[in-house]
Amino acid sequence: MALHRMRTIAEAVAEILEIDADSAITANCIRNLCNNGIVKCFYTGKKILVDMESLYDLINGEKTVNNPTQNNE
C-alpha cells in the first residue's frame, strides 16, 4: 500500500519552488484550492495537509477544473 505524499501548505510551496524557483504558486493559492475542494487535502486542527499528487496533477494539466466565472469564448 503506497502512502500519499502529504505536506503542509508551506511545505508544498517550498517543494514547488525547489522545482521551479520562478513559480507563481502561493500559499494562498494552494489554500484556496483546498478550501474549494479542487485539490485533495485533509484538515488536522488548524493545519491543512495537501495531497501533492493531486496538486501536481492540477498544475500539470492532468486534472481540470470547471470554473463558472471563466469566460470560455
C-alpha atoms as a PDB file:
ATOM      1  CA  MET A   1       0.000   0.000   0.000  1.00  0.00           C
ATOM      2  CA  ALA A   2       1.526   3.277  -1.100  1.00  0.00           C
ATOM      3  CA  LEU A   3       1.127   6.361   1.047  1.00  0.00           C
ATOM      4  CA  HIS A   4       0.223   9.683  -0.482  1.00  0.00           C
ATOM      5  CA  ARG A   5       2.774  12.464  -0.049  1.00  0.00           C
ATOM      6  CA  MET A   6       1.054  14.853   2.326  1.00  0.00           C
ATOM      7  CA  ARG A   7       2.578  18.274   3.016  1.00  0.00           C
ATOM      8  CA  THR A   8       1.553  21.374   4.908  1.00  0.00           C
ATOM      9  CA  ILE A   9       0.813  24.345   2.686  1.00  0.00           C
ATOM     10  CA  ALA A  10       4.194  25.913   3.483  1.00  0.00           C
ATOM     11  CA  GLU A  11       5.979  22.646   2.673  1.00  0.00           C
ATOM     12  CA  ALA A  12       4.002  22.306  -0.570  1.00  0.00           C
ATOM     13  CA  VAL A  13       5.036  25.798  -1.675  1.00  0.00           C
ATOM     14  CA  ALA A  14       8.675  25.078  -0.751  1.00  0.00           C
ATOM     15  CA  GLU A  15       8.632  21.824  -2.738  1.00  0.00           C
ATOM     16  CA  ILE A  16       7.213  23.574  -5.804  1.00  0.00           C
ATOM     17  CA  LEU A  17       9.775  26.381  -5.526  1.00  0.00           C
ATOM     18  CA  GLU A  18      12.594  23.799  -5.387  1.00  0.00           C
ATOM     19  CA  ILE A  19      11.429  22.510  -8.766  1.00  0.00           C
ATOM     20  CA  ASP A  20      10.596  25.906 -10.271  1.00  0.00           C
ATOM     21  CA  ALA A  21      12.114  28.884  -8.468  1.00  0.00           C
ATOM     22  CA  ASP A  22      10.065  31.302 -10.622  1.00  0.00           C
ATOM     23  CA  SER A  23       6.714  29.646  -9.877  1.00  0.00           C
ATOM     24  CA  ALA A  24       3.796  31.966  -9.184  1.00  0.00           C
ATOM     25  CA  ILE A  25       2.056  29.396  -6.940  1.00  0.00           C
ATOM     26  CA  THR A  26       1.500  30.906  -3.495  1.00  0.00           C
ATOM     27  CA  ALA A  27       0.368  29.559  -0.140  1.00  0.00           C
ATOM     28  CA  ASN A  28      -2.903  31.454  -0.545  1.00  0.00           C
ATOM     29  CA  CYS A  29      -3.468  29.850  -3.945  1.00  0.00           C
ATOM     30  CA  ILE A  30      -2.996  26.337  -2.533  1.00  0.00           C
ATOM     31  CA  ARG A  31      -5.188  27.162   0.489  1.00  0.00           C
ATOM     32  CA  ASN A  32      -7.995  28.300  -1.848  1.00  0.00           C
ATOM     33  CA  LEU A  33      -7.638  25.150  -3.975  1.00  0.00           C
ATOM     34  CA  CYS A  34      -8.006  23.049  -0.826  1.00  0.00           C
ATOM     35  CA  ASN A  35     -10.895  25.041   0.624  1.00  0.00           C
ATOM     36  CA  ASN A  36     -12.797  24.786  -2.667  1.00  0.00           C
ATOM     37  CA  GLY A  37     -12.252  21.014  -2.931  1.00  0.00           C
ATOM     38  CA  ILE A  38     -10.173  21.275  -6.091  1.00  0.00           C
ATOM     39  CA  VAL A  39      -7.083  19.646  -4.577  1.00  0.00           C
ATOM     40  CA  LYS A  40      -7.321  16.674  -2.233  1.00  0.00           C
ATOM     41  CA  CYS A  41      -6.392  17.522   1.333  1.00  0.00           C
ATOM     42  CA  PHE A  42      -7.417  16.979   4.903  1.00  0.00           C
ATOM     43  CA  TYR A  43      -7.596  19.179   7.936  1.00  0.00           C
ATOM     44  CA  THR A  44      -5.785  18.390  11.185  1.00  0.00           C
ATOM     45  CA  GLY A  45      -6.715  21.043  13.688  1.00  0.00           C
ATOM     46  CA  LYS A  46      -5.570  24.322  12.155  1.00  0.00           C
ATOM     47  CA  LYS A  47      -3.278  22.657   9.601  1.00  0.00           C
ATOM     48  CA  ILE A  48      -4.211  21.693   6.094  1.00  0.00           C
ATOM     49  CA  LEU A  49      -2.303  18.721   4.693  1.00  0.00           C
ATOM     50  CA  VAL A  50      -2.137  18.797   0.905  1.00  0.00           C
ATOM     51  CA  ASP A  51      -2.006  15.674  -1.268  1.00  0.00           C
ATOM     52  CA  MET A  52       0.958  16.530  -3.508  1.00  0.00           C
ATOM     53  CA  GLU A  53      -0.072  14.125  -6.297  1.00  0.00           C
ATOM     54  CA  SER A  54      -3.437  15.883  -6.547  1.00  0.00           C
ATOM     55  CA  LEU A  55      -1.725  19.289  -6.608  1.00  0.00           C
ATOM     56  CA  TYR A  56       0.798  18.191  -9.256  1.00  0.00           C
ATOM     57  CA  ASP A  57      -1.999  16.689 -11.387  1.00  0.00           C
ATOM     58  CA  LEU A  58      -3.727  20.074 -11.396  1.00  0.00           C
ATOM     59  CA  ILE A  59      -0.535  22.040 -12.119  1.00  0.00           C
ATOM     60  CA  ASN A  60       0.467  19.666 -14.935  1.00  0.00           C
ATOM     61  CA  GLY A  61      -2.961  19.876 -16.562  1.00  0.00           C
ATOM     62  CA  GLU A  62      -3.864  16.244 -15.860  1.00  0.00           C
ATOM     63  CA  LYS A  63      -6.827  17.427 -13.796  1.00  0.00           C
ATOM     64  CA  THR A  64      -9.196  20.135 -14.994  1.00  0.00           C
ATOM     65  CA  VAL A  65     -11.459  22.453 -13.058  1.00  0.00           C
ATOM     66  CA  ASN A  66     -14.802  23.756 -14.249  1.00  0.00           C
ATOM     67  CA  ASN A  67     -14.805  27.435 -13.369  1.00  0.00           C
ATOM     68  CA  PRO A  68     -18.217  29.032 -13.973  1.00  0.00           C
ATOM     69  CA  THR A  69     -16.697  32.528 -13.796  1.00  0.00           C
ATOM     70  CA  GLN A  70     -14.178  31.788 -16.545  1.00  0.00           C
ATOM     71  CA  ASN A  71     -15.036  33.144 -19.992  1.00  0.00           C
ATOM     72  CA  ASN A  72     -14.823  30.201 -22.440  1.00  0.00           C
ATOM     73  CA  GLU A  73     -15.316  32.146 -25.673  1.00  0.00           C
END
